[in-house]
Protein backbone atom coordinates (compact mmCIF):
# COMPACT_ATOMS: atom_id res chain seq x y z
CA MET A 1 -32.51 5.27 30.42
CA HIS A 2 -33.57 3.87 27.20
CA LEU A 3 -32.07 7.01 25.02
CA TRP A 4 -28.41 6.92 26.52
CA LEU A 5 -28.85 3.29 25.33
CA ALA A 6 -29.52 3.88 22.21
CA ILE A 7 -27.47 6.87 21.71
CA LEU A 8 -24.46 4.41 23.42
CA LEU A 9 -25.22 1.95 20.98
CA ILE A 10 -25.35 3.93 17.69
CA VAL A 11 -21.73 5.54 18.70
CA VAL A 12 -20.51 2.24 19.40
CA ALA A 13 -21.44 0.80 15.74
CA LEU A 14 -20.04 3.88 14.20
CA LEU A 15 -16.64 3.34 15.60
CA ALA A 16 -17.09 -0.19 14.80
CA GLY A 17 -17.67 1.00 11.24
CA ILE A 18 -15.25 3.27 10.94
CA ALA A 19 -12.62 0.38 12.46
CA LEU A 20 -13.80 -2.33 9.82
CA GLY A 21 -13.96 -0.04 6.70
CA PHE A 22 -10.30 1.24 7.68
CA PHE A 23 -9.46 -2.51 7.64
CA ILE A 24 -11.11 -3.44 5.00
CA ALA A 25 -9.30 -0.31 2.64
CA ARG A 26 -5.99 -0.79 4.03
CA LYS A 27 -6.35 -5.17 3.00
CA TYR A 28 -7.77 -4.17 -0.59
CA MET A 29 -4.57 -1.37 -1.04
CA MET A 30 -2.32 -3.86 0.18
CA ASN A 31 -3.28 -6.40 -2.42
CA TYR A 32 -3.75 -3.95 -5.24
CA MET A 33 0.05 -2.48 -4.64
CA LYS A 34 0.93 -5.71 -4.79
CA LYS A 35 -0.79 -6.81 -8.10
CA ASN A 36 0.45 -3.71 -9.41
CA PRO A 37 3.58 -1.81 -8.55
CA PRO A 38 3.78 1.77 -9.10
CA ILE A 39 7.01 1.12 -11.05
CA ASN A 40 8.03 -1.77 -13.15
CA GLU A 41 11.90 -2.17 -14.69
CA LYS A 42 11.28 -0.09 -17.50
CA MET A 43 10.86 3.01 -15.23
CA LEU A 44 13.82 2.47 -13.40
CA ARG A 45 16.06 2.10 -16.26
CA VAL A 46 14.72 5.42 -17.55
CA MET A 47 14.76 6.75 -14.30
CA MET A 48 18.76 5.69 -13.69
CA MET A 49 19.77 7.00 -17.32
CA GLN A 50 18.06 10.03 -16.05
CA MET A 51 20.59 10.67 -13.27
CA GLY A 52 23.54 9.50 -15.89
CA MET A 53 23.77 5.75 -14.73
CA ASN A 54 24.15 3.40 -17.34
CA PRO A 55 22.13 0.56 -15.32
CA SER A 56 23.04 -2.77 -16.18
CA GLN A 57 20.24 -5.62 -15.69
CA LYS A 58 22.30 -7.22 -12.74
CA LYS A 59 21.42 -3.63 -10.80
CA ILE A 60 18.12 -2.70 -12.32
CA ASN A 61 17.20 -6.68 -10.82
CA GLN A 62 19.30 -5.66 -7.61
CA MET A 63 17.10 -2.69 -7.40
CA MET A 64 13.66 -3.88 -8.15
CA LYS A 65 14.16 -7.30 -5.61
CA ALA A 66 15.32 -4.08 -2.76
CA MET A 67 11.54 -2.56 -3.65
CA GLN A 68 9.75 -5.21 -3.93
CA GLY A 69 10.91 -6.37 -0.10
CA GLN A 70 10.41 -2.66 1.46
CA GLN A 71 6.99 -3.43 0.01
CA ASP A 72 6.13 -6.86 1.88
CA LYS A 73 7.58 -5.94 4.79
């Protein structure tokens, strides 16, 4: 019976480690993305100009705010 108990404890510890590692990695990546957004105003301006738009600063600010709102969810 002690062998089954040891196997059960190993399996439980493995599952707990996987779950804990997942949540720690998720929290780390969320903080990293918040501090280092993948796109900035300059990149957004270039993308809009490539699409044939003439972006105003107001439009760029609106798009940046919308993207940050999506990221916060």
